[in-house]
Structure formats: C-alpha cells, structure tokens
mmCIF file of all heavy atoms, coordinates in Angstrom:
data_MODEL
# 
_entry.id   MODEL 
# 
loop_
_atom_site.group_PDB 
_atom_site.id 
_atom_site.type_symbol 
_atom_site.label_atom_id 
_atom_site.label_alt_id 
_atom_site.label_comp_id 
_atom_site.label_asym_id 
_atom_site.label_entity_id 
_atom_site.label_seq_id 
_atom_site.pdbx_PDB_ins_code 
_atom_site.Cartn_x 
_atom_site.Cartn_y 
_atom_site.Cartn_z 
_atom_site.occupancy 
_atom_site.B_iso_or_equiv 
_atom_site.pdbx_formal_charge 
_atom_site.auth_seq_id 
_atom_site.auth_comp_id 
_atom_site.auth_asym_id 
_atom_site.auth_atom_id 
_atom_site.pdbx_PDB_model_num 
ATOM 1   N N   . PRO A 1 1  ? -4.039  0.080   -15.457 1.00 0.00 ? 1  PRO A N   1 
ATOM 2   C CA  . PRO A 1 1  ? -3.200  0.900   -16.356 1.00 0.00 ? 1  PRO A CA  1 
ATOM 3   C C   . PRO A 1 1  ? -1.919  0.197   -16.781 1.00 0.00 ? 1  PRO A C   1 
ATOM 4   O O   . PRO A 1 1  ? -1.382  0.478   -17.848 1.00 0.00 ? 1  PRO A O   1 
ATOM 5   C CB  . PRO A 1 1  ? -2.896  2.147   -15.509 1.00 0.00 ? 1  PRO A CB  1 
ATOM 6   C CG  . PRO A 1 1  ? -3.962  2.186   -14.469 1.00 0.00 ? 1  PRO A CG  1 
ATOM 7   C CD  . PRO A 1 1  ? -4.310  0.763   -14.183 1.00 0.00 ? 1  PRO A CD  1 
ATOM 8   N N   . GLU A 1 2  ? -1.424  -0.725  -15.946 1.00 0.00 ? 2  GLU A N   1 
ATOM 9   C CA  . GLU A 1 2  ? -0.158  -1.398  -16.251 1.00 0.00 ? 2  GLU A CA  1 
ATOM 10  C C   . GLU A 1 2  ? -0.346  -2.902  -16.427 1.00 0.00 ? 2  GLU A C   1 
ATOM 11  O O   . GLU A 1 2  ? 0.597   -3.669  -16.271 1.00 0.00 ? 2  GLU A O   1 
ATOM 12  C CB  . GLU A 1 2  ? 0.847   -1.108  -15.135 1.00 0.00 ? 2  GLU A CB  1 
ATOM 13  C CG  . GLU A 1 2  ? 1.129   0.376   -14.966 1.00 0.00 ? 2  GLU A CG  1 
ATOM 14  C CD  . GLU A 1 2  ? 1.982   0.666   -13.748 1.00 0.00 ? 2  GLU A CD  1 
ATOM 15  O OE1 . GLU A 1 2  ? 2.378   -0.290  -13.066 1.00 0.00 ? 2  GLU A OE1 1 
ATOM 16  O OE2 . GLU A 1 2  ? 2.250   1.860   -13.488 1.00 0.00 ? 2  GLU A OE2 1 
ATOM 17  N N   . GLY A 1 3  ? -1.575  -3.324  -16.722 1.00 0.00 ? 3  GLY A N   1 
ATOM 18  C CA  . GLY A 1 3  ? -1.845  -4.741  -16.923 1.00 0.00 ? 3  GLY A CA  1 
ATOM 19  C C   . GLY A 1 3  ? -2.884  -5.254  -15.943 1.00 0.00 ? 3  GLY A C   1 
ATOM 20  O O   . GLY A 1 3  ? -3.416  -4.498  -15.121 1.00 0.00 ? 3  GLY A O   1 
ATOM 21  N N   . PRO A 1 4  ? -3.203  -6.564  -15.993 1.00 0.00 ? 4  PRO A N   1 
ATOM 22  C CA  . PRO A 1 4  ? -4.231  -7.132  -15.115 1.00 0.00 ? 4  PRO A CA  1 
ATOM 23  C C   . PRO A 1 4  ? -3.868  -6.980  -13.636 1.00 0.00 ? 4  PRO A C   1 
ATOM 24  O O   . PRO A 1 4  ? -2.704  -7.112  -13.248 1.00 0.00 ? 4  PRO A O   1 
ATOM 25  C CB  . PRO A 1 4  ? -4.264  -8.611  -15.519 1.00 0.00 ? 4  PRO A CB  1 
ATOM 26  C CG  . PRO A 1 4  ? -3.670  -8.648  -16.887 1.00 0.00 ? 4  PRO A CG  1 
ATOM 27  C CD  . PRO A 1 4  ? -2.658  -7.553  -16.929 1.00 0.00 ? 4  PRO A CD  1 
ATOM 28  N N   . MET A 1 5  ? -4.882  -6.702  -12.820 1.00 0.00 ? 5  MET A N   1 
ATOM 29  C CA  . MET A 1 5  ? -4.702  -6.543  -11.380 1.00 0.00 ? 5  MET A CA  1 
ATOM 30  C C   . MET A 1 5  ? -5.804  -7.329  -10.666 1.00 0.00 ? 5  MET A C   1 
ATOM 31  O O   . MET A 1 5  ? -6.930  -7.419  -11.150 1.00 0.00 ? 5  MET A O   1 
ATOM 32  C CB  . MET A 1 5  ? -4.800  -5.073  -10.962 1.00 0.00 ? 5  MET A CB  1 
ATOM 33  C CG  . MET A 1 5  ? -3.826  -4.145  -11.640 1.00 0.00 ? 5  MET A CG  1 
ATOM 34  S SD  . MET A 1 5  ? -4.038  -2.433  -11.074 1.00 0.00 ? 5  MET A SD  1 
ATOM 35  C CE  . MET A 1 5  ? -3.372  -2.543  -9.414  1.00 0.00 ? 5  MET A CE  1 
ATOM 36  N N   . SER A 1 6  ? -5.484  -7.864  -9.504  1.00 0.00 ? 6  SER A N   1 
ATOM 37  C CA  . SER A 1 6  ? -6.483  -8.550  -8.689  1.00 0.00 ? 6  SER A CA  1 
ATOM 38  C C   . SER A 1 6  ? -6.873  -7.668  -7.513  1.00 0.00 ? 6  SER A C   1 
ATOM 39  O O   . SER A 1 6  ? -6.178  -6.690  -7.191  1.00 0.00 ? 6  SER A O   1 
ATOM 40  C CB  . SER A 1 6  ? -5.932  -9.881  -8.170  1.00 0.00 ? 6  SER A CB  1 
ATOM 41  O OG  . SER A 1 6  ? -4.909  -9.656  -7.214  1.00 0.00 ? 6  SER A OG  1 
ATOM 42  N N   . GLU A 1 7  ? -7.977  -8.027  -6.872  1.00 0.00 ? 7  GLU A N   1 
ATOM 43  C CA  . GLU A 1 7  ? -8.370  -7.319  -5.642  1.00 0.00 ? 7  GLU A CA  1 
ATOM 44  C C   . GLU A 1 7  ? -7.237  -7.365  -4.621  1.00 0.00 ? 7  GLU A C   1 
ATOM 45  O O   . GLU A 1 7  ? -6.925  -6.361  -3.973  1.00 0.00 ? 7  GLU A O   1 
ATOM 46  C CB  . GLU A 1 7  ? -9.619  -7.959  -5.049  1.00 0.00 ? 7  GLU A CB  1 
ATOM 47  C CG  . GLU A 1 7  ? -10.896 -7.719  -5.804  1.00 0.00 ? 7  GLU A CG  1 
ATOM 48  C CD  . GLU A 1 7  ? -12.079 -8.361  -5.095  1.00 0.00 ? 7  GLU A CD  1 
ATOM 49  O OE1 . GLU A 1 7  ? -12.325 -8.026  -3.917  1.00 0.00 ? 7  GLU A OE1 1 
ATOM 50  O OE2 . GLU A 1 7  ? -12.748 -9.203  -5.721  1.00 0.00 ? 7  GLU A OE2 1 
ATOM 51  N N   . ALA A 1 8  ? -6.622  -8.551  -4.484  1.00 0.00 ? 8  ALA A N   1 
ATOM 52  C CA  . ALA A 1 8  ? -5.534  -8.698  -3.508  1.00 0.00 ? 8  ALA A CA  1 
ATOM 53  C C   . ALA A 1 8  ? -4.372  -7.775  -3.835  1.00 0.00 ? 8  ALA A C   1 
ATOM 54  O O   . ALA A 1 8  ? -3.760  -7.182  -2.934  1.00 0.00 ? 8  ALA A O   1 
ATOM 55  C CB  . ALA A 1 8  ? -5.074  -10.155 -3.453  1.00 0.00 ? 8  ALA A CB  1 
ATOM 56  N N   . ASP A 1 9  ? -4.053  -7.627  -5.125  1.00 0.00 ? 9  ASP A N   1 
ATOM 57  C CA  . ASP A 1 9  ? -2.960  -6.732  -5.540  1.00 0.00 ? 9  ASP A CA  1 
ATOM 58  C C   . ASP A 1 9  ? -3.255  -5.295  -5.117  1.00 0.00 ? 9  ASP A C   1 
ATOM 59  O O   . ASP A 1 9  ? -2.379  -4.594  -4.578  1.00 0.00 ? 9  ASP A O   1 
ATOM 60  C CB  . ASP A 1 9  ? -2.773  -6.782  -7.059  1.00 0.00 ? 9  ASP A CB  1 
ATOM 61  C CG  . ASP A 1 9  ? -2.300  -8.131  -7.559  1.00 0.00 ? 9  ASP A CG  1 
ATOM 62  O OD1 . ASP A 1 9  ? -1.627  -8.831  -6.784  1.00 0.00 ? 9  ASP A OD1 1 
ATOM 63  O OD2 . ASP A 1 9  ? -2.607  -8.475  -8.714  1.00 0.00 ? 9  ASP A OD2 1 
ATOM 64  N N   . ILE A 1 10 ? -4.477  -4.844  -5.393  1.00 0.00 ? 10 ILE A N   1 
ATOM 65  C CA  . ILE A 1 10 ? -4.835  -3.453  -5.106  1.00 0.00 ? 10 ILE A CA  1 
ATOM 66  C C   . ILE A 1 10 ? -4.833  -3.202  -3.601  1.00 0.00 ? 10 ILE A C   1 
ATOM 67  O O   . ILE A 1 10 ? -4.324  -2.178  -3.132  1.00 0.00 ? 10 ILE A O   1 
ATOM 68  C CB  . ILE A 1 10 ? -6.209  -3.119  -5.717  1.00 0.00 ? 10 ILE A CB  1 
ATOM 69  C CG1 . ILE A 1 10 ? -6.163  -3.246  -7.236  1.00 0.00 ? 10 ILE A CG1 1 
ATOM 70  C CG2 . ILE A 1 10 ? -6.643  -1.708  -5.323  1.00 0.00 ? 10 ILE A CG2 1 
ATOM 71  C CD1 . ILE A 1 10 ? -7.503  -3.049  -7.920  1.00 0.00 ? 10 ILE A CD1 1 
ATOM 72  N N   . LEU A 1 11 ? -5.393  -4.140  -2.836  1.00 0.00 ? 11 LEU A N   1 
ATOM 73  C CA  . LEU A 1 11 ? -5.451  -3.953  -1.383  1.00 0.00 ? 11 LEU A CA  1 
ATOM 74  C C   . LEU A 1 11 ? -4.050  -3.972  -0.772  1.00 0.00 ? 11 LEU A C   1 
ATOM 75  O O   . LEU A 1 11 ? -3.753  -3.199  0.146   1.00 0.00 ? 11 LEU A O   1 
ATOM 76  C CB  . LEU A 1 11 ? -6.332  -5.040  -0.755  1.00 0.00 ? 11 LEU A CB  1 
ATOM 77  C CG  . LEU A 1 11 ? -7.824  -4.926  -1.069  1.00 0.00 ? 11 LEU A CG  1 
ATOM 78  C CD1 . LEU A 1 11 ? -8.569  -6.173  -0.607  1.00 0.00 ? 11 LEU A CD1 1 
ATOM 79  C CD2 . LEU A 1 11 ? -8.421  -3.682  -0.417  1.00 0.00 ? 11 LEU A CD2 1 
ATOM 80  N N   . TRP A 1 12 ? -3.173  -4.845  -1.289  1.00 0.00 ? 12 TRP A N   1 
ATOM 81  C CA  . TRP A 1 12 ? -1.804  -4.883  -0.786  1.00 0.00 ? 12 TRP A CA  1 
ATOM 82  C C   . TRP A 1 12 ? -1.066  -3.585  -1.120  1.00 0.00 ? 12 TRP A C   1 
ATOM 83  O O   . TRP A 1 12 ? -0.338  -3.035  -0.286  1.00 0.00 ? 12 TRP A O   1 
ATOM 84  C CB  . TRP A 1 12 ? -1.058  -6.080  -1.363  1.00 0.00 ? 12 TRP A CB  1 
ATOM 85  C CG  . TRP A 1 12 ? 0.331   -6.223  -0.811  1.00 0.00 ? 12 TRP A CG  1 
ATOM 86  C CD1 . TRP A 1 12 ? 1.487   -5.762  -1.370  1.00 0.00 ? 12 TRP A CD1 1 
ATOM 87  C CD2 . TRP A 1 12 ? 0.698   -6.830  0.429   1.00 0.00 ? 12 TRP A CD2 1 
ATOM 88  N NE1 . TRP A 1 12 ? 2.559   -6.047  -0.565  1.00 0.00 ? 12 TRP A NE1 1 
ATOM 89  C CE2 . TRP A 1 12 ? 2.104   -6.708  0.544   1.00 0.00 ? 12 TRP A CE2 1 
ATOM 90  C CE3 . TRP A 1 12 ? -0.017  -7.470  1.435   1.00 0.00 ? 12 TRP A CE3 1 
ATOM 91  C CZ2 . TRP A 1 12 ? 2.798   -7.209  1.642   1.00 0.00 ? 12 TRP A CZ2 1 
ATOM 92  C CZ3 . TRP A 1 12 ? 0.676   -7.971  2.529   1.00 0.00 ? 12 TRP A CZ3 1 
ATOM 93  C CH2 . TRP A 1 12 ? 2.060   -7.836  2.626   1.00 0.00 ? 12 TRP A CH2 1 
ATOM 94  N N   . ASP A 1 13 ? -1.274  -3.093  -2.333  1.00 0.00 ? 13 ASP A N   1 
ATOM 95  C CA  . ASP A 1 13 ? -0.636  -1.838  -2.738  1.00 0.00 ? 13 ASP A CA  1 
ATOM 96  C C   . ASP A 1 13 ? -1.146  -0.672  -1.884  1.00 0.00 ? 13 ASP A C   1 
ATOM 97  O O   . ASP A 1 13 ? -0.359  0.174   -1.444  1.00 0.00 ? 13 ASP A O   1 
ATOM 98  C CB  . ASP A 1 13 ? -0.923  -1.568  -4.210  1.00 0.00 ? 13 ASP A CB  1 
ATOM 99  C CG  . ASP A 1 13 ? -0.305  -0.265  -4.692  1.00 0.00 ? 13 ASP A CG  1 
ATOM 100 O OD1 . ASP A 1 13 ? 0.908   -0.250  -4.967  1.00 0.00 ? 13 ASP A OD1 1 
ATOM 101 O OD2 . ASP A 1 13 ? -1.041  0.747   -4.765  1.00 0.00 ? 13 ASP A OD2 1 
ATOM 102 N N   . LEU A 1 14 ? -2.447  -0.642  -1.634  1.00 0.00 ? 14 LEU A N   1 
ATOM 103 C CA  . LEU A 1 14 ? -3.016  0.421   -0.803  1.00 0.00 ? 14 LEU A CA  1 
ATOM 104 C C   . LEU A 1 14 ? -2.460  0.353   0.614   1.00 0.00 ? 14 LEU A C   1 
ATOM 105 O O   . LEU A 1 14 ? -2.084  1.384   1.207   1.00 0.00 ? 14 LEU A O   1 
ATOM 106 C CB  . LEU A 1 14 ? -4.539  0.309   -0.784  1.00 0.00 ? 14 LEU A CB  1 
ATOM 107 C CG  . LEU A 1 14 ? -5.295  1.274   0.130   1.00 0.00 ? 14 LEU A CG  1 
ATOM 108 C CD1 . LEU A 1 14 ? -4.959  2.726   -0.197  1.00 0.00 ? 14 LEU A CD1 1 
ATOM 109 C CD2 . LEU A 1 14 ? -6.801  1.035   0.018   1.00 0.00 ? 14 LEU A CD2 1 
ATOM 110 N N   . ALA A 1 15 ? -2.372  -0.862  1.166   1.00 0.00 ? 15 ALA A N   1 
ATOM 111 C CA  . ALA A 1 15 ? -1.810  -1.032  2.519   1.00 0.00 ? 15 ALA A CA  1 
ATOM 112 C C   . ALA A 1 15 ? -0.353  -0.578  2.552   1.00 0.00 ? 15 ALA A C   1 
ATOM 113 O O   . ALA A 1 15 ? 0.093   0.054   3.521   1.00 0.00 ? 15 ALA A O   1 
ATOM 114 C CB  . ALA A 1 15 ? -1.930  -2.489  2.957   1.00 0.00 ? 15 ALA A CB  1 
ATOM 115 N N   . SER A 1 16 ? 0.398   -0.878  1.494   1.00 0.00 ? 16 SER A N   1 
ATOM 116 C CA  . SER A 1 16 ? 1.812   -0.479  1.438   1.00 0.00 ? 16 SER A CA  1 
ATOM 117 C C   . SER A 1 16 ? 1.956   1.040   1.368   1.00 0.00 ? 16 SER A C   1 
ATOM 118 O O   . SER A 1 16 ? 2.857   1.621   1.995   1.00 0.00 ? 16 SER A O   1 
ATOM 119 C CB  . SER A 1 16 ? 2.491   -1.125  0.224   1.00 0.00 ? 16 SER A CB  1 
ATOM 120 O OG  . SER A 1 16 ? 2.432   -2.537  0.312   1.00 0.00 ? 16 SER A OG  1 
ATOM 121 N N   . ARG A 1 17 ? 1.078   1.695   0.623   1.00 0.00 ? 17 ARG A N   1 
ATOM 122 C CA  . ARG A 1 17 ? 1.122   3.155   0.532   1.00 0.00 ? 17 ARG A CA  1 
ATOM 123 C C   . ARG A 1 17 ? 0.784   3.783   1.887   1.00 0.00 ? 17 ARG A C   1 
ATOM 124 O O   . ARG A 1 17 ? 1.412   4.774   2.303   1.00 0.00 ? 17 ARG A O   1 
ATOM 125 C CB  . ARG A 1 17 ? 0.151   3.654   -0.544  1.00 0.00 ? 17 ARG A CB  1 
ATOM 126 C CG  . ARG A 1 17 ? 0.589   3.308   -1.944  1.00 0.00 ? 17 ARG A CG  1 
ATOM 127 C CD  . ARG A 1 17 ? -0.475  3.591   -3.002  1.00 0.00 ? 17 ARG A CD  1 
ATOM 128 N NE  . ARG A 1 17 ? -0.064  3.031   -4.281  1.00 0.00 ? 17 ARG A NE  1 
ATOM 129 C CZ  . ARG A 1 17 ? 0.663   3.663   -5.189  1.00 0.00 ? 17 ARG A CZ  1 
ATOM 130 N NH1 . ARG A 1 17 ? 1.035   4.921   -4.968  1.00 0.00 ? 17 ARG A NH1 1 
ATOM 131 N NH2 . ARG A 1 17 ? 1.013   3.079   -6.315  1.00 0.00 ? 17 ARG A NH2 1 
ATOM 132 N N   . LEU A 1 18 ? -0.206  3.230   2.568   1.00 0.00 ? 18 LEU A N   1 
ATOM 133 C CA  . LEU A 1 18 ? -0.561  3.737   3.890   1.00 0.00 ? 18 LEU A CA  1 
ATOM 134 C C   . LEU A 1 18 ? 0.558   3.474   4.887   1.00 0.00 ? 18 LEU A C   1 
ATOM 135 O O   . LEU A 1 18 ? 0.927   4.354   5.684   1.00 0.00 ? 18 LEU A O   1 
ATOM 136 C CB  . LEU A 1 18 ? -1.857  3.079   4.357   1.00 0.00 ? 18 LEU A CB  1 
ATOM 137 C CG  . LEU A 1 18 ? -2.385  3.490   5.733   1.00 0.00 ? 18 LEU A CG  1 
ATOM 138 C CD1 . LEU A 1 18 ? -2.611  4.996   5.813   1.00 0.00 ? 18 LEU A CD1 1 
ATOM 139 C CD2 . LEU A 1 18 ? -3.686  2.743   6.052   1.00 0.00 ? 18 LEU A CD2 1 
ATOM 140 N N   . GLU A 1 19 ? 1.139   2.277   4.823   1.00 0.00 ? 19 GLU A N   1 
ATOM 141 C CA  . GLU A 1 19 ? 2.247   1.929   5.718   1.00 0.00 ? 19 GLU A CA  1 
ATOM 142 C C   . GLU A 1 19 ? 3.434   2.873   5.499   1.00 0.00 ? 19 GLU A C   1 
ATOM 143 O O   . GLU A 1 19 ? 4.059   3.341   6.465   1.00 0.00 ? 19 GLU A O   1 
ATOM 144 C CB  . GLU A 1 19 ? 2.681   0.487   5.471   1.00 0.00 ? 19 GLU A CB  1 
ATOM 145 C CG  . GLU A 1 19 ? 3.836   0.043   6.362   1.00 0.00 ? 19 GLU A CG  1 
ATOM 146 C CD  . GLU A 1 19 ? 4.398   -1.303  5.958   1.00 0.00 ? 19 GLU A CD  1 
ATOM 147 O OE1 . GLU A 1 19 ? 4.322   -1.645  4.755   1.00 0.00 ? 19 GLU A OE1 1 
ATOM 148 O OE2 . GLU A 1 19 ? 4.939   -1.999  6.830   1.00 0.00 ? 19 GLU A OE2 1 
ATOM 149 N N   . GLY A 1 20 ? 3.762   3.167   4.238   1.00 0.00 ? 20 GLY A N   1 
ATOM 150 C CA  . GLY A 1 20 ? 4.892   4.049   3.950   1.00 0.00 ? 20 GLY A CA  1 
ATOM 151 C C   . GLY A 1 20 ? 4.703   5.436   4.532   1.00 0.00 ? 20 GLY A C   1 
ATOM 152 O O   . GLY A 1 20 ? 5.635   6.013   5.110   1.00 0.00 ? 20 GLY A O   1 
ATOM 153 N N   . ARG A 1 21 ? 3.512   5.983   4.410   1.00 0.00 ? 21 ARG A N   1 
ATOM 154 C CA  . ARG A 1 21 ? 3.237   7.323   4.952   1.00 0.00 ? 21 ARG A CA  1 
ATOM 155 C C   . ARG A 1 21 ? 3.274   7.313   6.476   1.00 0.00 ? 21 ARG A C   1 
ATOM 156 O O   . ARG A 1 21 ? 3.792   8.249   7.096   1.00 0.00 ? 21 ARG A O   1 
ATOM 157 C CB  . ARG A 1 21 ? 1.889   7.815   4.439   1.00 0.00 ? 21 ARG A CB  1 
ATOM 158 C CG  . ARG A 1 21 ? 1.914   8.245   2.980   1.00 0.00 ? 21 ARG A CG  1 
ATOM 159 C CD  . ARG A 1 21 ? 0.519   8.369   2.399   1.00 0.00 ? 21 ARG A CD  1 
ATOM 160 N NE  . ARG A 1 21 ? 0.535   8.997   1.079   1.00 0.00 ? 21 ARG A NE  1 
ATOM 161 C CZ  . ARG A 1 21 ? 0.868   8.349   -0.036  1.00 0.00 ? 21 ARG A CZ  1 
ATOM 162 N NH1 . ARG A 1 21 ? 1.213   7.066   0.016   1.00 0.00 ? 21 ARG A NH1 1 
ATOM 163 N NH2 . ARG A 1 21 ? 0.858   8.988   -1.205  1.00 0.00 ? 21 ARG A NH2 1 
ATOM 164 N N   . MET A 1 22 ? 2.703   6.280   7.070   1.00 0.00 ? 22 MET A N   1 
ATOM 165 C CA  . MET A 1 22 ? 2.696   6.218   8.530   1.00 0.00 ? 22 MET A CA  1 
ATOM 166 C C   . MET A 1 22 ? 4.101   6.042   9.089   1.00 0.00 ? 22 MET A C   1 
ATOM 167 O O   . MET A 1 22 ? 4.470   6.650   10.100  1.00 0.00 ? 22 MET A O   1 
ATOM 168 C CB  . MET A 1 22 ? 1.787   5.084   8.997   1.00 0.00 ? 22 MET A CB  1 
ATOM 169 C CG  . MET A 1 22 ? 0.306   5.374   8.815   1.00 0.00 ? 22 MET A CG  1 
ATOM 170 S SD  . MET A 1 22 ? -0.741  4.048   9.484   1.00 0.00 ? 22 MET A SD  1 
ATOM 171 C CE  . MET A 1 22 ? -2.342  4.894   9.525   1.00 0.00 ? 22 MET A CE  1 
ATOM 172 N N   . THR A 1 23 ? 4.900   5.215   8.424   1.00 0.00 ? 23 THR A N   1 
ATOM 173 C CA  . THR A 1 23 ? 6.285   5.004   8.866   1.00 0.00 ? 23 THR A CA  1 
ATOM 174 C C   . THR A 1 23 ? 7.092   6.294   8.735   1.00 0.00 ? 23 THR A C   1 
ATOM 175 O O   . THR A 1 23 ? 7.886   6.651   9.626   1.00 0.00 ? 23 THR A O   1 
ATOM 176 C CB  . THR A 1 23 ? 6.937   3.882   8.042   1.00 0.00 ? 23 THR A CB  1 
ATOM 177 O OG1 . THR A 1 23 ? 6.183   2.673   8.199   1.00 0.00 ? 23 THR A OG1 1 
ATOM 178 C CG2 . THR A 1 23 ? 8.367   3.645   8.495   1.00 0.00 ? 23 THR A CG2 1 
ATOM 179 N N   . ALA A 1 24 ? 6.881   7.026   7.647   1.00 0.00 ? 24 ALA A N   1 
ATOM 180 C CA  . ALA A 1 24 ? 7.615   8.277   7.430   1.00 0.00 ? 24 ALA A CA  1 
ATOM 181 C C   . ALA A 1 24 ? 7.303   9.306   8.507   1.00 0.00 ? 24 ALA A C   1 
ATOM 182 O O   . ALA A 1 24 ? 8.145   10.146  8.839   1.00 0.00 ? 24 ALA A O   1 
ATOM 183 C CB  . ALA A 1 24 ? 7.280   8.842   6.052   1.00 0.00 ? 24 ALA A CB  1 
ATOM 184 N N   . ILE A 1 25 ? 6.107   9.226   9.075   1.00 0.00 ? 25 ILE A N   1 
ATOM 185 C CA  . ILE A 1 25 ? 5.707   10.206  10.076  1.00 0.00 ? 25 ILE A CA  1 
ATOM 186 C C   . ILE A 1 25 ? 6.087   9.760   11.487  1.00 0.00 ? 25 ILE A C   1 
ATOM 187 O O   . ILE A 1 25 ? 5.861   10.483  12.463  1.00 0.00 ? 25 ILE A O   1 
ATOM 188 C CB  . ILE A 1 25 ? 4.192   10.477  9.959   1.00 0.00 ? 25 ILE A CB  1 
ATOM 189 C CG1 . ILE A 1 25 ? 3.870   11.945  10.231  1.00 0.00 ? 25 ILE A CG1 1 
ATOM 190 C CG2 . ILE A 1 25 ? 3.372   9.565   10.868  1.00 0.00 ? 25 ILE A CG2 1 
ATOM 191 C CD1 . ILE A 1 25 ? 2.497   12.365  9.747   1.00 0.00 ? 25 ILE A CD1 1 
ATOM 192 N N   . GLY A 1 26 ? 6.681   8.539   11.574  1.00 0.00 ? 26 GLY A N   1 
ATOM 193 C CA  . GLY A 1 26 ? 7.182   8.071   12.859  1.00 0.00 ? 26 GLY A CA  1 
ATOM 194 C C   . GLY A 1 26 ? 6.309   7.053   13.569  1.00 0.00 ? 26 GLY A C   1 
ATOM 195 O O   . GLY A 1 26 ? 6.590   6.700   14.728  1.00 0.00 ? 26 GLY A O   1 
ATOM 196 N N   . MET A 1 27 ? 5.290   6.546   12.910  1.00 0.00 ? 27 MET A N   1 
ATOM 197 C CA  . MET A 1 27 ? 4.423   5.559   13.542  1.00 0.00 ? 27 MET A CA  1 
ATOM 198 C C   . MET A 1 27 ? 5.021   4.163   13.408  1.00 0.00 ? 27 MET A C   1 
ATOM 199 O O   . MET A 1 27 ? 5.746   3.868   12.457  1.00 0.00 ? 27 MET A O   1 
ATOM 200 C CB  . MET A 1 27 ? 3.027   5.584   12.906  1.00 0.00 ? 27 MET A CB  1 
ATOM 201 C CG  . MET A 1 27 ? 2.351   6.944   12.953  1.00 0.00 ? 27 MET A CG  1 
ATOM 202 S SD  . MET A 1 27 ? 0.723   6.969   12.162  1.00 0.00 ? 27 MET A SD  1 
ATOM 203 C CE  . MET A 1 27 ? -0.278  6.224   13.439  1.00 0.00 ? 27 MET A CE  1 
ATOM 204 N N   . ASP A 1 28 ? 4.739   3.300   14.376  1.00 0.00 ? 28 ASP A N   1 
ATOM 205 C CA  . ASP A 1 28 ? 5.135   1.894   14.310  1.00 0.00 ? 28 ASP A CA  1 
ATOM 206 C C   . ASP A 1 28 ? 4.012   1.134   13.606  1.00 0.00 ? 28 ASP A C   1 
ATOM 207 O O   . ASP A 1 28 ? 2.905   1.017   14.132  1.00 0.00 ? 28 ASP A O   1 
ATOM 208 C CB  . ASP A 1 28 ? 5.344   1.312   15.712  1.00 0.00 ? 28 ASP A CB  1 
ATOM 209 C CG  . ASP A 1 28 ? 6.501   1.982   16.438  1.00 0.00 ? 28 ASP A CG  1 
ATOM 210 O OD1 . ASP A 1 28 ? 7.441   2.421   15.759  1.00 0.00 ? 28 ASP A OD1 1 
ATOM 211 O OD2 . ASP A 1 28 ? 6.445   2.068   17.680  1.00 0.00 ? 28 ASP A OD2 1 
ATOM 212 N N   . THR A 1 29 ? 4.281   0.652   12.408  1.00 0.00 ? 29 THR A N   1 
ATOM 213 C CA  . THR A 1 29 ? 3.243   0.007   11.610  1.00 0.00 ? 29 THR A CA  1 
ATOM 214 C C   . THR A 1 29 ? 3.541   -1.476  11.430  1.00 0.00 ? 29 THR A C   1 
ATOM 215 O O   . THR A 1 29 ? 4.699   -1.897  11.344  1.00 0.00 ? 29 THR A O   1 
ATOM 216 C CB  . THR A 1 29 ? 3.125   0.664   10.228  1.00 0.00 ? 29 THR A CB  1 
ATOM 217 O OG1 . THR A 1 29 ? 4.383   0.590   9.553   1.00 0.00 ? 29 THR A OG1 1 
ATOM 218 C CG2 . THR A 1 29 ? 2.696   2.116   10.348  1.00 0.00 ? 29 THR A CG2 1 
# 
C-alpha cells in the first residue's frame, strides 16, 4: 500500500508489532 515491500520488511514489521504488544503487557521481549 505504501510502496515496494520485501518478505524481510513484512516479517520485521510483524515482529515489531508483536513485540510492542507484549512489552505493553509487561513481558520481557
């Protein structure tokens, strides 16, 4: 939607979104 993306970009973004939610809930990520 915002230009070309690679598999690595998507996986890193997904990991960052998961990390952010886990950190917000108090987990050590």
